[in-house]
Amino acid sequence: MMSTCNIDHSLEDVMKKLQSQESFLPRELYQKATQFLKAEHSQQVLNELFHLLKKYDLATQEEQQTRNQDMETLFQA
C-alpha cells in the first residue's frame, strides 16, 4: 500500500484529481473510478484513491500498471 497521508481529501478533491488525470488513465479505469465515486466511501478509501491518482501522469509505465491494479482492487472491495 502507498504511504499514508495525514490530509483528508474530500470527494470533490478526489473527483478533481481524477479529472485532471483522465487523459493518462485507461478509459475503462477512468469510467470505473467515476462510477465508484458516485457511491459513498470511507475517508480512508477516498484518501487511498487520491494517492493512487496523484502524479499518475508522472509515474513510470510500470508504476502506472501497479496503480491500475490497486485501483481495480479498491473498486471491488
Protein backbone atom coordinates (compact mmCIF):
# COMPACT_ATOMS: atom_id res chain seq x y z
CA MET A 1 0.00 0.00 0.00
CA MET A 2 1.12 3.54 -0.60
CA SER A 3 2.41 5.79 2.13
CA THR A 4 -0.33 7.20 4.29
CA CYS A 5 -1.05 10.87 4.33
CA ASN A 6 -2.38 12.97 7.18
CA ILE A 7 -4.54 15.08 4.92
CA ASP A 8 -8.14 14.00 4.43
CA HIS A 9 -9.20 14.50 0.84
CA SER A 10 -12.82 15.38 0.17
CA LEU A 11 -14.86 13.66 -2.51
CA GLU A 12 -14.55 16.88 -4.50
CA ASP A 13 -10.73 16.74 -4.25
CA VAL A 14 -10.72 13.15 -5.45
CA MET A 15 -13.07 13.97 -8.35
CA LYS A 16 -10.87 16.90 -9.42
CA LYS A 17 -7.76 14.74 -9.21
CA LEU A 18 -9.46 12.03 -11.27
CA GLN A 19 -10.50 14.56 -13.92
CA SER A 20 -7.00 16.02 -14.07
CA GLN A 21 -5.58 12.56 -14.80
CA GLU A 22 -8.31 11.43 -17.22
CA SER A 23 -6.17 11.62 -20.34
CA PHE A 24 -3.47 9.46 -18.72
CA LEU A 25 -5.73 6.75 -17.29
CA PRO A 26 -7.01 3.77 -19.28
CA ARG A 27 -10.52 4.73 -20.42
CA GLU A 28 -12.21 1.79 -18.73
CA LEU A 29 -10.45 2.50 -15.44
CA TYR A 30 -11.47 6.16 -15.58
CA GLN A 31 -15.10 5.13 -16.12
CA LYS A 32 -14.93 2.66 -13.23
CA ALA A 33 -13.48 5.36 -10.99
CA THR A 34 -16.23 7.78 -11.96
CA GLN A 35 -18.89 5.17 -11.17
CA PHE A 36 -17.13 4.22 -7.95
CA LEU A 37 -17.21 7.81 -6.71
CA LYS A 38 -20.98 8.00 -7.15
CA ALA A 39 -21.34 5.79 -4.08
CA GLU A 40 -20.39 6.75 -0.54
CA HIS A 41 -16.96 5.73 0.68
CA SER A 42 -14.98 5.99 3.87
CA GLN A 43 -12.39 8.72 4.27
CA GLN A 44 -9.69 6.06 4.12
CA VAL A 45 -10.90 4.86 0.71
CA LEU A 46 -11.09 8.42 -0.64
CA ASN A 47 -7.55 9.14 0.57
CA GLU A 48 -6.24 5.92 -0.94
CA LEU A 49 -7.79 6.66 -4.33
CA PHE A 50 -6.49 10.23 -4.24
CA HIS A 51 -2.95 8.96 -3.70
CA LEU A 52 -3.24 6.39 -6.48
CA LEU A 53 -4.24 9.22 -8.82
CA LYS A 54 -1.72 11.76 -7.51
CA LYS A 55 1.05 12.39 -10.05
CA TYR A 56 -0.18 9.38 -12.04
CA ASP A 57 0.89 11.16 -15.23
CA LEU A 58 4.47 11.37 -13.94
CA ALA A 59 4.70 7.72 -12.90
CA THR A 60 6.59 5.16 -14.99
CA GLN A 61 4.53 2.77 -17.07
CA GLU A 62 5.33 0.02 -14.58
CA GLU A 63 4.18 2.19 -11.66
CA GLN A 64 1.00 3.10 -13.56
CA GLN A 65 0.21 -0.59 -14.06
CA THR A 66 0.69 -1.22 -10.34
CA ARG A 67 -1.61 1.71 -9.52
CA ASN A 68 -4.16 0.45 -12.06
CA GLN A 69 -4.24 -2.91 -10.28
CA ASP A 70 -4.51 -1.21 -6.89
CA MET A 71 -7.46 0.83 -8.18
CA GLU A 72 -9.17 -2.28 -9.57
CA THR A 73 -8.76 -3.91 -6.16
CA LEU A 74 -10.11 -0.82 -4.40
CA PHE A 75 -13.16 -0.69 -6.70
CA GLN A 76 -14.00 -4.32 -5.97
CA ALA A 77 -13.71 -4.00 -2.20
